[in-house]
Amino acid sequence: MAFLLQERYVNLLTDFGFKRVFGSEPHKQLLLDFLNTILPPHHHIQDLSYKTTENLGNTPLDRKAIFDIYCQSVNGDRIIVEIQKAKQNFFKDRSVFYASFPIQEQARKGIWNYKLAPVYSVGILDFIFDDHKEEETYLHTVELKDQDCHVFYDKLKFIYVELPKFTKTLDQLVSHQDKWLFLLRHLPDLEDRPQPFQDPIFLQLFDIAELANFSAAEQDNYQNSLKYYRDLNNVMDTAKEEARAEGRAEGRAEGRAEGRAEGRAEGRAEGRAEGRAEGAKATAIAIARSLLDILPIETISDRTGLTIEEIQRLIDAGD
């Protein structure tokens, strides 16, 4: 794999890059092909149409949801596709909340038997779940099951891809899914069109994703999106390092104060736990500050897990 100082292809993990490649009608074959590598075989899609990405709920008082991509298959399945670049508090709660909108919108006036079309929530994650760090599995399909692990309801599925766990190199790619996940991680690192990607669908992707084919306005929009992506990664890396340092310092201090082996162990554990909690909060605040001039308060709250009131205090403190 060759690397260039000047990227040739768009970064698919930026908002602009993801939506340019996967989010428009002329390019829907790319989204369809990608989704069919991660959806269950019995729900493979033959065709799809795009729906509005903003859902306002049933009343003006309902909190709105804004999806990266929202589409419907030819047989009625609803599919939400989102890129999530950083951890946030209550991420799983947010996924369930968002999935409730495609369910509610299926309600019909008058007599209705409550029959629903399947709903899929697909999350492309640029991070690893804390409770999955020790697992090698990077593709998770979550269903509603009973106490005996039998599927209770098969029309609601949450599919998460933890991209950092996908570490295959070019010569290790075997399946069609492997190739898509590799491109999601490494497309901007490629200098040309490597041999594993000579299928027509990937050649179409390279044409759409080549920066030289962008208009001046698209170039500007992409650079702004790329800057946000890089700033967010930098904020996250800094916050993680600060959290680790704080956890180590507090753990050592508490351990010395106890003076016993058990006390030191507990002190270190508590210090690490407190450090992680404080680090997560500091990360959320740092991310929110970086987004104040870019996104609405409601979107910042969704992205960081901070409350509207906490974000408003950050705005007031900056005045």
Protein backbone atom coordinates (compact mmCIF):
# COMPACT_ATOMS: atom_id res chain seq x y z
CA MET A 1 0.00 0.00 0.00
CA ALA A 2 1.48 3.35 -1.02
CA PHE A 3 1.04 6.59 0.89
CA LEU A 4 1.05 10.15 -0.39
CA LEU A 5 1.57 13.48 1.34
CA GLN A 6 -1.33 14.79 -0.74
CA GLU A 7 -4.31 12.46 -0.49
CA ARG A 8 -5.85 11.30 -3.74
CA TYR A 9 -9.12 9.99 -2.32
CA VAL A 10 -11.67 11.34 0.14
CA ASN A 11 -11.73 10.17 3.76
CA LEU A 12 -14.94 8.14 4.17
CA LEU A 13 -15.03 8.77 7.93
CA THR A 14 -15.63 12.49 7.45
CA ASP A 15 -19.24 13.65 7.27
CA PHE A 16 -18.71 15.07 3.79
CA GLY A 17 -16.88 12.03 2.43
CA PHE A 18 -19.36 9.53 3.83
CA LYS A 19 -22.42 11.35 2.51
CA ARG A 20 -20.85 12.10 -0.89
CA VAL A 21 -20.09 8.44 -1.53
CA PHE A 22 -23.07 6.77 0.13
CA GLY A 23 -25.75 9.42 0.55
CA SER A 24 -27.16 10.35 -2.86
CA GLU A 25 -29.45 8.69 -5.39
CA PRO A 26 -26.88 8.49 -8.26
CA HIS A 27 -24.51 6.58 -5.96
CA LYS A 28 -27.04 4.39 -4.16
CA GLN A 29 -25.57 1.21 -5.66
CA LEU A 30 -22.51 1.76 -3.45
CA LEU A 31 -24.62 1.97 -0.28
CA LEU A 32 -26.66 -1.06 -1.35
CA ASP A 33 -23.54 -3.12 -2.03
CA PHE A 34 -21.96 -2.16 1.31
CA LEU A 35 -25.11 -2.85 3.34
CA ASN A 36 -25.50 -6.29 1.80
CA THR A 37 -22.12 -7.27 3.24
CA ILE A 38 -23.31 -6.69 6.82
CA LEU A 39 -27.09 -7.31 6.73
CA PRO A 40 -28.39 -10.86 7.32
CA PRO A 41 -28.65 -12.82 4.03
CA HIS A 42 -32.44 -13.10 4.27
CA HIS A 43 -32.69 -9.30 4.36
CA HIS A 44 -30.35 -8.48 1.48
CA ILE A 45 -31.54 -5.45 -0.47
CA GLN A 46 -32.41 -5.45 -4.16
CA ASP A 47 -33.08 -1.71 -4.35
CA LEU A 48 -33.48 1.24 -2.01
CA SER A 49 -34.64 4.84 -1.88
CA TYR A 50 -33.44 7.67 0.33
CA LYS A 51 -35.69 9.24 2.95
CA THR A 52 -35.32 12.58 4.71
CA THR A 53 -32.54 12.45 7.30
CA GLU A 54 -34.41 14.75 9.68
CA ASN A 55 -37.23 13.27 11.72
CA LEU A 56 -39.25 15.70 13.81
CA GLY A 57 -41.36 13.21 15.73
CA ASN A 58 -45.12 13.20 16.13
CA THR A 59 -45.57 16.62 17.73
CA PRO A 60 -43.60 19.89 17.85
CA LEU A 61 -42.62 18.98 21.41
CA ASP A 62 -40.90 15.75 20.35
CA ARG A 63 -37.14 15.96 20.19
CA LYS A 64 -35.96 15.63 16.60
CA ALA A 65 -33.44 13.11 15.31
CA ILE A 66 -31.01 13.79 12.48
CA PHE A 67 -29.48 10.76 10.78
CA ASP A 68 -26.41 10.60 8.52
CA ILE A 69 -28.29 8.40 6.04
CA TYR A 70 -31.84 7.10 6.21
CA CYS A 71 -33.16 4.83 3.48
CA GLN A 72 -35.86 2.30 2.71
CA SER A 73 -35.49 -0.93 0.79
CA VAL A 74 -37.87 -1.91 -1.99
CA ASN A 75 -39.68 -4.29 0.37
CA GLY A 76 -40.16 -1.62 3.05
CA ASP A 77 -37.24 -2.25 5.45
CA ARG A 78 -36.06 0.96 7.14
CA ILE A 79 -32.30 1.41 7.54
CA ILE A 80 -30.44 4.10 9.48
CA VAL A 81 -26.72 4.37 8.72
CA GLU A 82 -24.48 6.52 10.88
CA ILE A 83 -20.80 7.27 11.24
CA GLN A 84 -19.80 7.73 14.88
CA LYS A 85 -16.31 9.20 15.23
CA ALA A 86 -15.97 9.40 19.02
CA LYS A 87 -17.37 7.80 22.15
CA GLN A 88 -20.16 9.60 23.92
CA ASN A 89 -22.18 9.06 27.05
CA PHE A 90 -25.36 7.03 26.53
CA PHE A 91 -24.42 6.07 22.96
CA LYS A 92 -26.51 2.89 23.11
CA ASP A 93 -29.47 4.87 24.48
CA ARG A 94 -29.09 7.25 21.55
CA SER A 95 -29.15 4.35 19.09
CA VAL A 96 -32.39 3.03 20.57
CA PHE A 97 -33.91 6.53 20.60
CA TYR A 98 -33.06 7.07 16.93
CA ALA A 99 -34.42 3.65 15.97
CA SER A 100 -37.78 4.55 17.50
CA PHE A 101 -38.50 7.13 14.77
CA PRO A 102 -38.60 4.68 11.82
CA ILE A 103 -40.88 2.53 13.95
CA GLN A 104 -43.29 5.32 14.87
CA GLU A 105 -43.52 6.71 11.35
CA GLN A 106 -45.08 3.43 10.18
CA ALA A 107 -48.24 4.09 12.19
CA ARG A 108 -51.34 4.51 10.02
CA LYS A 109 -54.47 6.51 10.57
CA GLY A 110 -57.67 4.66 11.27
CA ILE A 111 -57.83 0.91 11.78
CA TRP A 112 -54.34 -0.60 11.77
CA ASN A 113 -53.07 -4.04 12.82
CA TYR A 114 -49.63 -2.81 14.02
CA LYS A 115 -47.70 -4.85 11.47
CA LEU A 116 -44.25 -3.25 11.14
CA ALA A 117 -41.51 -3.44 8.55
CA PRO A 118 -38.03 -4.36 9.82
CA VAL A 119 -35.81 -1.55 11.14
CA TYR A 120 -32.02 -1.70 11.05
CA SER A 121 -29.72 0.73 12.82
CA VAL A 122 -26.20 0.45 11.35
CA GLY A 123 -23.36 2.18 13.19
CA ILE A 124 -19.90 2.56 11.65
CA LEU A 125 -17.78 3.25 14.73
CA ASP A 126 -14.33 4.83 14.73
CA PHE A 127 -13.85 3.60 18.30
CA ILE A 128 -14.18 0.44 20.41
CA PHE A 129 -16.86 -0.16 23.03
CA ASP A 130 -15.37 -0.26 26.54
CA ASP A 131 -17.07 -3.59 27.24
CA HIS A 132 -15.72 -5.13 24.02
CA LYS A 133 -12.07 -4.12 24.33
CA GLU A 134 -10.90 -7.64 25.08
CA GLU A 135 -12.84 -9.19 22.18
CA GLU A 136 -11.55 -9.62 18.64
CA THR A 137 -15.05 -9.48 17.10
CA TYR A 138 -15.58 -6.21 15.24
CA LEU A 139 -19.07 -6.81 13.79
CA HIS A 140 -21.88 -6.94 16.35
CA THR A 141 -25.51 -7.74 15.57
CA VAL A 142 -27.83 -6.99 18.49
CA GLU A 143 -31.37 -8.38 18.68
CA LEU A 144 -34.20 -8.55 21.22
CA LYS A 145 -33.99 -11.95 22.94
CA ASP A 146 -35.69 -13.67 25.87
CA GLN A 147 -34.11 -15.22 28.97
CA ASP A 148 -33.21 -18.35 26.99
CA CYS A 149 -31.50 -16.34 24.23
CA HIS A 150 -34.30 -17.04 21.76
CA VAL A 151 -35.07 -14.16 19.42
CA PHE A 152 -38.21 -12.48 20.72
CA TYR A 153 -38.57 -9.94 17.90
CA ASP A 154 -36.64 -10.24 14.65
CA LYS A 155 -37.64 -6.95 13.01
CA LEU A 156 -35.37 -4.66 15.04
CA LYS A 157 -31.62 -5.06 14.75
CA PHE A 158 -28.67 -2.91 15.75
CA ILE A 159 -25.50 -3.58 13.77
CA TYR A 160 -22.23 -2.04 14.91
CA VAL A 161 -18.85 -2.18 13.18
CA GLU A 162 -15.86 -1.35 15.40
CA LEU A 163 -13.47 -0.22 12.67
CA PRO A 164 -10.30 0.07 14.83
CA LYS A 165 -10.47 -3.69 15.34
CA PHE A 166 -10.31 -4.34 11.60
CA THR A 167 -6.56 -4.65 11.06
CA LYS A 168 -6.27 -6.75 7.89
CA THR A 169 -3.74 -5.64 5.31
CA LEU A 170 -4.24 -5.61 1.53
CA ASP A 171 -2.89 -9.11 1.05
CA GLN A 172 -5.15 -10.46 3.82
CA LEU A 173 -8.44 -9.33 2.29
CA VAL A 174 -10.67 -12.28 1.45
CA SER A 175 -14.34 -11.38 1.47
CA HIS A 176 -16.31 -8.53 -0.07
CA GLN A 177 -16.95 -7.28 3.46
CA ASP A 178 -13.19 -7.23 4.13
CA LYS A 179 -12.70 -4.96 1.14
CA TRP A 180 -15.37 -2.49 2.20
CA LEU A 181 -14.07 -2.26 5.76
CA PHE A 182 -10.52 -1.80 4.49
CA LEU A 183 -11.63 1.13 2.30
CA LEU A 184 -13.55 2.71 5.16
CA ARG A 185 -10.31 2.78 7.14
CA HIS A 186 -7.67 3.31 4.46
CA LEU A 187 -9.11 4.88 1.30
CA PRO A 188 -7.25 8.22 1.71
CA ASP A 189 -3.99 6.29 2.20
CA LEU A 190 -4.14 4.69 -1.25
CA GLU A 191 -2.16 6.06 -4.16
CA ASP A 192 -3.84 4.01 -6.86
CA ARG A 193 -6.49 1.30 -7.33
CA PRO A 194 -5.00 -1.91 -5.90
CA GLN A 195 -5.64 -5.31 -7.44
CA PRO A 196 -8.23 -6.51 -4.85
CA PHE A 197 -10.50 -3.62 -5.87
CA GLN A 198 -10.97 -4.19 -9.59
CA ASP A 199 -14.68 -5.06 -9.27
CA PRO A 200 -16.92 -2.53 -11.09
CA ILE A 201 -18.48 -1.40 -7.79
CA PHE A 202 -15.10 -0.43 -6.34
CA LEU A 203 -13.93 1.22 -9.56
CA GLN A 204 -17.09 3.35 -9.36
CA LEU A 205 -16.20 4.22 -5.77
CA PHE A 206 -12.69 5.35 -6.75
CA ASP A 207 -14.11 7.64 -9.44
CA ILE A 208 -16.60 9.24 -7.04
CA ALA A 209 -14.07 9.55 -4.21
CA GLU A 210 -11.20 11.04 -6.22
CA LEU A 211 -10.55 14.57 -4.97
CA ALA A 212 -9.49 15.77 -8.42
CA ASN A 213 -13.09 15.27 -9.55
CA PHE A 214 -14.49 17.60 -6.87
CA SER A 215 -15.68 21.11 -7.69
CA ALA A 216 -14.06 24.05 -5.89
CA ALA A 217 -17.04 24.28 -3.53
CA GLU A 218 -16.86 20.54 -2.80
CA GLN A 219 -13.13 20.85 -2.14
CA ASP A 220 -13.79 23.59 0.44
CA ASN A 221 -16.59 21.64 2.10
CA TYR A 222 -14.45 18.54 2.29
CA GLN A 223 -11.49 20.39 3.80
CA ASN A 224 -13.76 21.85 6.49
CA SER A 225 -15.15 18.39 7.23
CA LEU A 226 -11.65 16.91 7.29
CA LYS A 227 -10.45 19.61 9.69
CA TYR A 228 -13.33 18.83 12.05
CA TYR A 229 -12.51 15.11 11.87
CA ARG A 230 -8.82 15.68 12.62
CA ASP A 231 -9.55 18.19 15.41
CA LEU A 232 -11.95 15.73 17.00
CA ASN A 233 -9.35 12.95 16.88
CA ASN A 234 -6.76 15.26 18.40
CA VAL A 235 -9.11 16.27 21.21
CA MET A 236 -9.89 12.63 21.92
CA ASP A 237 -6.23 11.57 21.97
CA THR A 238 -5.31 14.44 24.31
CA ALA A 239 -8.20 13.72 26.66
CA LYS A 240 -7.33 10.01 26.79
CA GLU A 241 -3.72 10.75 27.69
CA GLU A 242 -4.76 13.24 30.37
CA ALA A 243 -7.24 10.73 31.81
CA ARG A 244 -4.57 8.02 31.95
CA ALA A 245 -2.13 10.38 33.68
CA GLU A 246 -4.72 11.51 36.23
CA GLY A 247 -5.76 7.93 36.91
CA ARG A 248 -2.16 6.83 37.51
CA ALA A 249 -1.42 9.79 39.79
CA GLU A 250 -4.55 9.41 41.90
CA GLY A 251 -4.09 5.66 42.10
CA ARG A 252 -0.52 5.99 43.36
CA ALA A 253 -1.47 8.65 45.90
CA GLU A 254 -4.33 6.66 47.36
CA GLY A 255 -2.29 3.48 47.33
CA ARG A 256 0.54 5.09 49.33
CA ALA A 257 -1.93 6.51 51.84
CA GLU A 258 -3.29 3.04 52.60
CA GLY A 259 0.17 1.62 53.10
CA ARG A 260 -0.97 -1.97 52.61
CA ALA A 261 -0.92 -4.15 49.52
CA GLU A 262 -4.70 -4.41 49.47
CA GLY A 263 -5.02 -0.69 49.97
CA ARG A 264 -2.63 0.04 47.13
CA ALA A 265 -4.55 -2.24 44.78
CA GLU A 266 -7.87 -0.69 45.69
CA GLY A 267 -6.41 2.80 45.46
CA ARG A 268 -5.05 2.19 42.01
CA ALA A 269 -8.34 0.66 40.86
CA GLU A 270 -10.39 3.55 42.25
CA GLY A 271 -7.92 6.04 40.84
CA ARG A 272 -8.16 4.53 37.40
CA ALA A 273 -11.96 4.43 37.60
CA GLU A 274 -12.19 8.04 38.75
CA GLY A 275 -9.61 9.06 36.17
CA ARG A 276 -11.59 7.42 33.38
CA ALA A 277 -14.83 9.04 34.53
CA GLU A 278 -13.26 12.47 34.83
CA GLY A 279 -11.42 11.97 31.56
CA ALA A 280 -14.63 11.05 29.75
CA LYS A 281 -16.30 14.20 31.09
CA ALA A 282 -13.31 16.32 30.13
CA THR A 283 -13.36 14.77 26.66
CA ALA A 284 -17.04 15.58 26.21
CA ILE A 285 -16.50 19.19 27.33
CA ALA A 286 -13.48 19.64 25.06
CA ILE A 287 -15.37 18.24 22.07
CA ALA A 288 -18.38 20.44 22.83
CA ARG A 289 -16.19 23.57 22.98
CA SER A 290 -14.68 22.71 19.58
CA LEU A 291 -18.16 22.40 18.06
CA LEU A 292 -19.84 25.52 19.49
CA ASP A 293 -19.29 27.55 16.32
CA ILE A 294 -20.05 24.66 14.00
CA LEU A 295 -23.15 22.76 15.13
CA PRO A 296 -26.48 23.53 16.86
CA ILE A 297 -26.66 22.95 20.60
CA GLU A 298 -29.00 19.97 20.18
CA THR A 299 -26.59 18.21 17.82
CA ILE A 300 -23.63 18.89 20.14
CA SER A 301 -25.65 17.35 22.98
CA ASP A 302 -26.31 14.24 20.88
CA ARG A 303 -22.65 13.96 19.87
CA THR A 304 -21.17 14.45 23.37
CA GLY A 305 -23.80 13.26 25.84
CA LEU A 306 -23.72 16.62 27.65
CA THR A 307 -27.04 18.19 28.57
CA ILE A 308 -28.35 21.31 26.86
CA GLU A 309 -27.83 23.18 30.14
CA GLU A 310 -24.16 22.13 30.37
CA ILE A 311 -23.51 23.27 26.81
CA GLN A 312 -25.29 26.58 27.44
CA ARG A 313 -23.00 27.16 30.44
CA LEU A 314 -19.98 26.62 28.16
CA ILE A 315 -21.38 29.23 25.77
CA ASP A 316 -22.05 31.70 28.61
CA ALA A 317 -18.56 31.17 30.01
CA GLY A 318 -17.04 32.02 26.63
CA ASP A 319 -18.88 35.34 26.31
